[in-house]
Amino acid sequence: MDASLKAIEKLVNSQATLELYSVNNITNGTDAQGEVTVRLEKAGRIVNGLGADTDIVIASAKAYINAVNKLNSPINADTLRKGMF
């Protein structure tokens, strides 16, 4: 996972700090789906990203991209009221 997240970071150059990386299963069995949560911090702003897939590397990449997209989105009152950050 480390290599995939570093590769994404090299492309997007978010300059964020990874504060949390967590993996949980959301289904059971041999084809279980995993959910990854990442928390990124940049300039005092903290966001969480979520990703899910049967391949934990893909779930990790999805979670990291989700968090980076949130960091790059403007914050407004409607977003805060909806609890999206």
PDB file of N, CA and C in Angstrom:
ATOM      1  N   MET A   1       0.817  -1.176   0.000  1.00  0.00           N
ATOM      2  CA  MET A   1       0.000   0.000   0.000  1.00  0.00           C
ATOM      3  C   MET A   1       0.869   1.251   0.000  1.00  0.00           C
ATOM      4  N   ASP A   2       1.948   1.204   0.723  1.00  0.00           N
ATOM      5  CA  ASP A   2       2.820   2.368   0.824  1.00  0.00           C
ATOM      6  C   ASP A   2       3.275   2.839  -0.556  1.00  0.00           C
ATOM      7  N   ALA A   3       3.664   1.913  -1.404  1.00  0.00           N
ATOM      8  CA  ALA A   3       4.143   2.274  -2.738  1.00  0.00           C
ATOM      9  C   ALA A   3       3.032   2.908  -3.577  1.00  0.00           C
ATOM     10  N   SER A   4       1.825   2.373  -3.475  1.00  0.00           N
ATOM     11  CA  SER A   4       0.727   2.931  -4.275  1.00  0.00           C
ATOM     12  C   SER A   4       0.358   4.333  -3.790  1.00  0.00           C
ATOM     13  N   LEU A   5       0.343   4.547  -2.478  1.00  0.00           N
ATOM     14  CA  LEU A   5       0.022   5.877  -1.956  1.00  0.00           C
ATOM     15  C   LEU A   5       1.123   6.884  -2.301  1.00  0.00           C
ATOM     16  N   LYS A   6       2.371   6.448  -2.247  1.00  0.00           N
ATOM     17  CA  LYS A   6       3.477   7.334  -2.628  1.00  0.00           C
ATOM     18  C   LYS A   6       3.420   7.675  -4.118  1.00  0.00           C
ATOM     19  N   ALA A   7       3.022   6.710  -4.943  1.00  0.00           N
ATOM     20  CA  ALA A   7       2.902   6.964  -6.381  1.00  0.00           C
ATOM     21  C   ALA A   7       1.802   7.988  -6.658  1.00  0.00           C
ATOM     22  N   ILE A   8       0.677   7.855  -5.965  1.00  0.00           N
ATOM     23  CA  ILE A   8      -0.412   8.819  -6.131  1.00  0.00           C
ATOM     24  C   ILE A   8       0.051  10.198  -5.665  1.00  0.00           C
ATOM     25  N   GLU A   9       0.712  10.240  -4.522  1.00  0.00           N
ATOM     26  CA  GLU A   9       1.185  11.521  -3.989  1.00  0.00           C
ATOM     27  C   GLU A   9       2.165  12.184  -4.948  1.00  0.00           C
ATOM     28  N   LYS A  10       3.001  11.393  -5.581  1.00  0.00           N
ATOM     29  CA  LYS A  10       3.955  11.952  -6.538  1.00  0.00           C
ATOM     30  C   LYS A  10       3.219  12.611  -7.710  1.00  0.00           C
ATOM     31  N   LEU A  11       2.100  12.031  -8.109  1.00  0.00           N
ATOM     32  CA  LEU A  11       1.314  12.589  -9.219  1.00  0.00           C
ATOM     33  C   LEU A  11       0.524  13.834  -8.814  1.00  0.00           C
ATOM     34  N   VAL A  12      -0.101  13.787  -7.634  1.00  0.00           N
ATOM     35  CA  VAL A  12      -0.994  14.884  -7.243  1.00  0.00           C
ATOM     36  C   VAL A  12      -0.284  15.980  -6.454  1.00  0.00           C
ATOM     37  N   ASN A  13       0.847  15.646  -5.843  1.00  0.00           N
ATOM     38  CA  ASN A  13       1.648  16.600  -5.074  1.00  0.00           C
ATOM     39  C   ASN A  13       0.795  17.410  -4.085  1.00  0.00           C
ATOM     40  N   SER A  14       0.018  16.705  -3.274  1.00  0.00           N
ATOM     41  CA  SER A  14      -0.858  17.379  -2.311  1.00  0.00           C
ATOM     42  C   SER A  14      -0.082  17.988  -1.150  1.00  0.00           C
ATOM     43  N   GLN A  15       1.094  17.458  -0.870  1.00  0.00           N
ATOM     44  CA  GLN A  15       1.930  17.878   0.255  1.00  0.00           C
ATOM     45  C   GLN A  15       1.208  17.733   1.593  1.00  0.00           C
ATOM     46  N   ALA A  16       0.272  16.793   1.662  1.00  0.00           N
ATOM     47  CA  ALA A  16      -0.464  16.517   2.894  1.00  0.00           C
ATOM     48  C   ALA A  16       0.287  15.476   3.715  1.00  0.00           C
ATOM     49  N   THR A  17      -0.029  15.450   4.990  1.00  0.00           N
ATOM     50  CA  THR A  17       0.547  14.472   5.903  1.00  0.00           C
ATOM     51  C   THR A  17      -0.490  13.397   6.191  1.00  0.00           C
ATOM     52  N   LEU A  18      -0.083  12.138   6.064  1.00  0.00           N
ATOM     53  CA  LEU A  18      -0.968  11.031   6.390  1.00  0.00           C
ATOM     54  C   LEU A  18      -1.039  10.899   7.906  1.00  0.00           C
ATOM     55  N   GLU A  19      -2.197  11.146   8.472  1.00  0.00           N
ATOM     56  CA  GLU A  19      -2.391  11.116   9.923  1.00  0.00           C
ATOM     57  C   GLU A  19      -2.947   9.779  10.407  1.00  0.00           C
ATOM     58  N   LEU A  20      -3.709   9.095   9.541  1.00  0.00           N
ATOM     59  CA  LEU A  20      -4.366   7.845   9.944  1.00  0.00           C
ATOM     60  C   LEU A  20      -4.535   6.954   8.736  1.00  0.00           C
ATOM     61  N   TYR A  21      -4.318   5.657   8.935  1.00  0.00           N
ATOM     62  CA  TYR A  21      -4.588   4.643   7.919  1.00  0.00           C
ATOM     63  C   TYR A  21      -5.250   3.488   8.647  1.00  0.00           C
ATOM     64  N   SER A  22      -6.470   3.160   8.253  1.00  0.00           N
ATOM     65  CA  SER A  22      -7.221   2.109   8.944  1.00  0.00           C
ATOM     66  C   SER A  22      -7.912   1.207   7.929  1.00  0.00           C
ATOM     67  N   VAL A  23      -7.855  -0.110   8.188  1.00  0.00           N
ATOM     68  CA  VAL A  23      -8.506  -1.097   7.318  1.00  0.00           C
ATOM     69  C   VAL A  23      -9.510  -1.885   8.137  1.00  0.00           C
ATOM     70  N   ASN A  24     -10.713  -2.027   7.603  1.00  0.00           N
ATOM     71  CA  ASN A  24     -11.760  -2.837   8.235  1.00  0.00           C
ATOM     72  C   ASN A  24     -12.437  -3.681   7.175  1.00  0.00           C
ATOM     73  N   ASN A  25     -12.902  -4.867   7.577  1.00  0.00           N
ATOM     74  CA  ASN A  25     -13.674  -5.658   6.627  1.00  0.00           C
ATOM     75  C   ASN A  25     -15.147  -5.262   6.732  1.00  0.00           C
ATOM     76  N   ILE A  26     -15.814  -5.183   5.576  1.00  0.00           N
ATOM     77  CA  ILE A  26     -17.239  -4.850   5.581  1.00  0.00           C
ATOM     78  C   ILE A  26     -18.086  -6.037   5.135  1.00  0.00           C
ATOM     79  N   THR A  27     -17.425  -7.073   4.610  1.00  0.00           N
ATOM     80  CA  THR A  27     -18.098  -8.339   4.337  1.00  0.00           C
ATOM     81  C   THR A  27     -17.155  -9.451   4.776  1.00  0.00           C
ATOM     82  N   ASN A  28     -17.679 -10.658   4.869  1.00  0.00           N
ATOM     83  CA  ASN A  28     -16.874 -11.804   5.292  1.00  0.00           C
ATOM     84  C   ASN A  28     -16.689 -12.778   4.143  1.00  0.00           C
ATOM     85  N   GLY A  29     -15.771 -13.696   4.292  1.00  0.00           N
ATOM     86  CA  GLY A  29     -15.550 -14.738   3.299  1.00  0.00           C
ATOM     87  C   GLY A  29     -14.276 -14.512   2.514  1.00  0.00           C
ATOM     88  N   THR A  30     -14.053 -15.420   1.544  1.00  0.00           N
ATOM     89  CA  THR A  30     -12.829 -15.350   0.762  1.00  0.00           C
ATOM     90  C   THR A  30     -12.806 -14.158  -0.190  1.00  0.00           C
ATOM     91  N   ASP A  31     -13.973 -13.657  -0.564  1.00  0.00           N
ATOM     92  CA  ASP A  31     -14.042 -12.482  -1.430  1.00  0.00           C
ATOM     93  C   ASP A  31     -14.505 -11.262  -0.631  1.00  0.00           C
ATOM     94  N   ALA A  32     -14.075 -11.186   0.627  1.00  0.00           N
ATOM     95  CA  ALA A  32     -14.491 -10.110   1.526  1.00  0.00           C
ATOM     96  C   ALA A  32     -14.078  -8.747   0.981  1.00  0.00           C
ATOM     97  N   GLN A  33     -14.939  -7.798   1.213  1.00  0.00           N
ATOM     98  CA  GLN A  33     -14.643  -6.429   0.811  1.00  0.00           C
ATOM     99  C   GLN A  33     -14.065  -5.681   2.007  1.00  0.00           C
ATOM    100  N   GLY A  34     -12.998  -4.956   1.752  1.00  0.00           N
ATOM    101  CA  GLY A  34     -12.361  -4.174   2.797  1.00  0.00           C
ATOM    102  C   GLY A  34     -12.638  -2.699   2.602  1.00  0.00           C
ATOM    103  N   GLU A  35     -12.703  -1.993   3.710  1.00  0.00           N
ATOM    104  CA  GLU A  35     -12.902  -0.549   3.681  1.00  0.00           C
ATOM    105  C   GLU A  35     -11.683   0.102   4.307  1.00  0.00           C
ATOM    106  N   VAL A  36     -11.125   1.072   3.615  1.00  0.00           N
ATOM    107  CA  VAL A  36      -9.943   1.788   4.098  1.00  0.00           C
ATOM    108  C   VAL A  36     -10.340   3.225   4.398  1.00  0.00           C
ATOM    109  N   THR A  37      -9.861   3.715   5.518  1.00  0.00           N
ATOM    110  CA  THR A  37     -10.019   5.119   5.887  1.00  0.00           C
ATOM    111  C   THR A  37      -8.629   5.728   5.983  1.00  0.00           C
ATOM    112  N   VAL A  38      -8.446   6.875   5.344  1.00  0.00           N
ATOM    113  CA  VAL A  38      -7.209   7.629   5.513  1.00  0.00           C
ATOM    114  C   VAL A  38      -7.569   9.020   6.003  1.00  0.00           C
ATOM    115  N   ARG A  39      -6.727   9.570   6.829  1.00  0.00           N
ATOM    116  CA  ARG A  39      -6.901  10.950   7.307  1.00  0.00           C
ATOM    117  C   ARG A  39      -5.666  11.729   6.878  1.00  0.00           C
ATOM    118  N   LEU A  40      -5.903  12.806   6.142  1.00  0.00           N
ATOM    119  CA  LEU A  40      -4.827  13.666   5.683  1.00  0.00           C
ATOM    120  C   LEU A  40      -4.940  15.029   6.351  1.00  0.00           C
ATOM    121  N   GLU A  41      -3.777  15.640   6.583  1.00  0.00           N
ATOM    122  CA  GLU A  41      -3.735  16.985   7.165  1.00  0.00           C
ATOM    123  C   GLU A  41      -2.846  17.855   6.288  1.00  0.00           C
ATOM    124  N   LYS A  42      -3.326  19.059   6.027  1.00  0.00           N
ATOM    125  CA  LYS A  42      -2.535  20.032   5.285  1.00  0.00           C
ATOM    126  C   LYS A  42      -2.908  21.423   5.771  1.00  0.00           C
ATOM    127  N   ALA A  43      -1.924  22.145   6.253  1.00  0.00           N
ATOM    128  CA  ALA A  43      -2.106  23.529   6.700  1.00  0.00           C
ATOM    129  C   ALA A  43      -3.239  23.662   7.720  1.00  0.00           C
ATOM    130  N   GLY A  44      -3.318  22.694   8.630  1.00  0.00           N
ATOM    131  CA  GLY A  44      -4.328  22.737   9.676  1.00  0.00           C
ATOM    132  C   GLY A  44      -5.681  22.177   9.285  1.00  0.00           C
ATOM    133  N   ARG A  45      -5.877  21.862   8.035  1.00  0.00           N
ATOM    134  CA  ARG A  45      -7.146  21.285   7.569  1.00  0.00           C
ATOM    135  C   ARG A  45      -7.009  19.768   7.576  1.00  0.00           C
ATOM    136  N   ILE A  46      -7.977  19.089   8.166  1.00  0.00           N
ATOM    137  CA  ILE A  46      -7.960  17.633   8.279  1.00  0.00           C
ATOM    138  C   ILE A  46      -9.180  17.077   7.559  1.00  0.00           C
ATOM    139  N   VAL A  47      -8.941  16.072   6.700  1.00  0.00           N
ATOM    140  CA  VAL A  47     -10.037  15.425   5.978  1.00  0.00           C
ATOM    141  C   VAL A  47      -9.875  13.914   6.067  1.00  0.00           C
ATOM    142  N   ASN A  48     -10.996  13.213   5.971  1.00  0.00           N
ATOM    143  CA  ASN A  48     -10.996  11.759   5.918  1.00  0.00           C
ATOM    144  C   ASN A  48     -11.398  11.310   4.528  1.00  0.00           C
ATOM    145  N   GLY A  49     -10.749  10.276   4.041  1.00  0.00           N
ATOM    146  CA  GLY A  49     -11.101   9.671   2.762  1.00  0.00           C
ATOM    147  C   GLY A  49     -11.467   8.222   2.974  1.00  0.00           C
ATOM    148  N   LEU A  50     -12.447   7.755   2.216  1.00  0.00           N
ATOM    149  CA  LEU A  50     -12.902   6.369   2.319  1.00  0.00           C
ATOM    150  C   LEU A  50     -12.778   5.674   0.972  1.00  0.00           C
ATOM    151  N   GLY A  51     -12.447   4.387   1.010  1.00  0.00           N
ATOM    152  CA  GLY A  51     -12.399   3.566  -0.193  1.00  0.00           C
ATOM    153  C   GLY A  51     -12.725   2.140   0.163  1.00  0.00           C
ATOM    154  N   ALA A  52     -13.404   1.438  -0.744  1.00  0.00           N
ATOM    155  CA  ALA A  52     -13.765   0.046  -0.503  1.00  0.00           C
ATOM    156  C   ALA A  52     -13.525  -0.778  -1.763  1.00  0.00           C
ATOM    157  N   ASP A  53     -13.032  -1.991  -1.575  1.00  0.00           N
ATOM    158  CA  ASP A  53     -12.787  -2.901  -2.687  1.00  0.00           C
ATOM    159  C   ASP A  53     -12.397  -4.254  -2.106  1.00  0.00           C
ATOM    160  N   THR A  54     -12.473  -5.293  -2.934  1.00  0.00           N
ATOM    161  CA  THR A  54     -11.988  -6.601  -2.486  1.00  0.00           C
ATOM    162  C   THR A  54     -10.465  -6.636  -2.470  1.00  0.00           C
ATOM    163  N   ASP A  55      -9.824  -5.753  -3.211  1.00  0.00           N
ATOM    164  CA  ASP A  55      -8.363  -5.614  -3.218  1.00  0.00           C
ATOM    165  C   ASP A  55      -8.010  -4.439  -2.313  1.00  0.00           C
ATOM    166  N   ILE A  56      -7.306  -4.697  -1.239  1.00  0.00           N
ATOM    167  CA  ILE A  56      -7.027  -3.669  -0.237  1.00  0.00           C
ATOM    168  C   ILE A  56      -6.115  -2.570  -0.785  1.00  0.00           C
ATOM    169  N   VAL A  57      -5.279  -2.886  -1.767  1.00  0.00           N
ATOM    170  CA  VAL A  57      -4.431  -1.864  -2.384  1.00  0.00           C
ATOM    171  C   VAL A  57      -5.304  -0.882  -3.165  1.00  0.00           C
ATOM    172  N   ILE A  58      -6.284  -1.400  -3.882  1.00  0.00           N
ATOM    173  CA  ILE A  58      -7.210  -0.535  -4.628  1.00  0.00           C
ATOM    174  C   ILE A  58      -8.065   0.275  -3.663  1.00  0.00           C
ATOM    175  N   ALA A  59      -8.548  -0.352  -2.599  1.00  0.00           N
ATOM    176  CA  ALA A  59      -9.335   0.373  -1.592  1.00  0.00           C
ATOM    177  C   ALA A  59      -8.506   1.494  -0.978  1.00  0.00           C
ATOM    178  N   SER A  60      -7.233   1.243  -0.745  1.00  0.00           N
ATOM    179  CA  SER A  60      -6.341   2.262  -0.183  1.00  0.00           C
ATOM    180  C   SER A  60      -6.172   3.428  -1.149  1.00  0.00           C
ATOM    181  N   ALA A  61      -5.968   3.116  -2.418  1.00  0.00           N
ATOM    182  CA  ALA A  61      -5.821   4.166  -3.429  1.00  0.00           C
ATOM    183  C   ALA A  61      -7.095   4.996  -3.530  1.00  0.00           C
ATOM    184  N   LYS A  62      -8.248   4.332  -3.517  1.00  0.00           N
ATOM    185  CA  LYS A  62      -9.526   5.050  -3.569  1.00  0.00           C
ATOM    186  C   LYS A  62      -9.679   5.986  -2.371  1.00  0.00           C
ATOM    187  N   ALA A  63      -9.309   5.507  -1.203  1.00  0.00           N
ATOM    188  CA  ALA A  63      -9.430   6.319   0.014  1.00  0.00           C
ATOM    189  C   ALA A  63      -8.501   7.528  -0.045  1.00  0.00           C
ATOM    190  N   TYR A  64      -7.283   7.325  -0.520  1.00  0.00           N
ATOM    191  CA  TYR A  64      -6.312   8.420  -0.599  1.00  0.00           C
ATOM    192  C   TYR A  64      -6.783   9.471  -1.601  1.00  0.00           C
ATOM    193  N   ILE A  65      -7.239   9.035  -2.749  1.00  0.00           N
ATOM    194  CA  ILE A  65      -7.739   9.963  -3.774  1.00  0.00           C
ATOM    195  C   ILE A  65      -8.964  10.704  -3.261  1.00  0.00           C
ATOM    196  N   ASN A  66      -9.847  10.004  -2.550  1.00  0.00           N
ATOM    197  CA  ASN A  66     -11.026  10.642  -1.972  1.00  0.00           C
ATOM    198  C   ASN A  66     -10.620  11.761  -1.016  1.00  0.00           C
ATOM    199  N   ALA A  67      -9.628  11.504  -0.177  1.00  0.00           N
ATOM    200  CA  ALA A  67      -9.163  12.515   0.774  1.00  0.00           C
ATOM    201  C   ALA A  67      -8.489  13.693   0.059  1.00  0.00           C
ATOM    202  N   VAL A  68      -7.662  13.409  -0.936  1.00  0.00           N
ATOM    203  CA  VAL A  68      -6.999  14.480  -1.683  1.00  0.00           C
ATOM    204  C   VAL A  68      -8.032  15.354  -2.385  1.00  0.00           C
ATOM    205  N   ASN A  69      -9.059  14.730  -2.955  1.00  0.00           N
ATOM    206  CA  ASN A  69     -10.119  15.508  -3.606  1.00  0.00           C
ATOM    207  C   ASN A  69     -10.807  16.432  -2.606  1.00  0.00           C
ATOM    208  N   LYS A  70     -11.018  15.950  -1.400  1.00  0.00           N
ATOM    209  CA  LYS A  70     -11.631  16.794  -0.369  1.00  0.00           C
ATOM    210  C   LYS A  70     -10.717  17.962  -0.003  1.00  0.00           C
ATOM    211  N   LEU A  71      -9.416  17.686   0.089  1.00  0.00           N
ATOM    212  CA  LEU A  71      -8.473  18.768   0.396  1.00  0.00           C
ATOM    213  C   LEU A  71      -8.496  19.847  -0.678  1.00  0.00           C
ATOM    214  N   ASN A  72      -8.720  19.445  -1.912  1.00  0.00           N
ATOM    215  CA  ASN A  72      -8.714  20.385  -3.028  1.00  0.00           C
ATOM    216  C   ASN A  72     -10.066  21.031  -3.285  1.00  0.00           C
ATOM    217  N   SER A  73     -11.080  20.659  -2.517  1.00  0.00           N
ATOM    218  CA  SER A  73     -12.407  21.247  -2.667  1.00  0.00           C
ATOM    219  C   SER A  73     -12.550  22.425  -1.718  1.00  0.00           C
ATOM    220  N   PRO A  74     -13.192  23.494  -2.188  1.00  0.00           N
ATOM    221  CA  PRO A  74     -13.400  24.632  -1.285  1.00  0.00           C
ATOM    222  C   PRO A  74     -14.395  24.274  -0.186  1.00  0.00           C
ATOM    223  N   ILE A  75     -14.198  24.855   0.971  1.00  0.00           N
ATOM    224  CA  ILE A  75     -15.130  24.661   2.083  1.00  0.00           C
ATOM    225  C   ILE A  75     -16.117  25.814   2.055  1.00  0.00           C
ATOM    226  N   ASN A  76     -17.400  25.471   2.131  1.00  0.00           N
ATOM    227  CA  ASN A  76     -18.424  26.506   2.255  1.00  0.00           C
ATOM    228  C   ASN A  76     -19.436  26.092   3.320  1.00  0.00           C
ATOM    229  N   ALA A  77     -20.328  26.970   3.675  1.00  0.00           N
ATOM    230  CA  ALA A  77     -21.278  26.714   4.763  1.00  0.00           C
ATOM    231  C   ALA A  77     -22.170  25.519   4.465  1.00  0.00           C
ATOM    232  N   ASP A  78     -22.620  25.354   3.222  1.00  0.00           N
ATOM    233  CA  ASP A  78     -23.479  24.216   2.873  1.00  0.00           C
ATOM    234  C   ASP A  78     -22.761  22.892   3.085  1.00  0.00           C
ATOM    235  N   THR A  79     -21.496  22.846   2.707  1.00  0.00           N
ATOM    236  CA  THR A  79     -20.702  21.636   2.889  1.00  0.00           C
ATOM    237  C   THR A  79     -20.580  21.295   4.370  1.00  0.00           C
ATOM    238  N   LEU A  80     -20.318  22.271   5.188  1.00  0.00           N
ATOM    239  CA  LEU A  80     -20.185  22.046   6.630  1.00  0.00           C
ATOM    240  C   LEU A  80     -21.512  21.597   7.244  1.00  0.00           C
ATOM    241  N   ARG A  81     -22.619  22.190   6.825  1.00  0.00           N
ATOM    242  CA  ARG A  81     -23.934  21.800   7.367  1.00  0.00           C
ATOM    243  C   ARG A  81     -24.270  20.356   7.019  1.00  0.00           C
ATOM    244  N   LYS A  82     -23.854  19.914   5.849  1.00  0.00           N
ATOM    245  CA  LYS A  82     -24.140  18.549   5.408  1.00  0.00           C
ATOM    246  C   LYS A  82     -23.183  17.543   6.050  1.00  0.00           C
ATOM    247  N   GLY A  83     -22.199  18.022   6.763  1.00  0.00           N
ATOM    248  CA  GLY A  83     -21.266  17.128   7.460  1.00  0.00           C
ATOM    249  C   GLY A  83     -20.314  16.409   6.528  1.00  0.00           C
ATOM    250  N   MET A  84     -20.011  17.007   5.374  1.00  0.00           N
ATOM    251  CA  MET A  84     -19.161  16.328   4.393  1.00  0.00           C
ATOM    252  C   MET A  84     -17.689  16.422   4.753  1.00  0.00           C
ATOM    253  N   PHE A  85     -17.316  17.258   5.738  1.00  0.00           N
ATOM    254  CA  PHE A  85     -15.911  17.356   6.141  1.00  0.00           C
ATOM    255  C   PHE A  85     -15.779  17.171   7.598  1.00  0.00           C
TER     256      PHE A  85
END
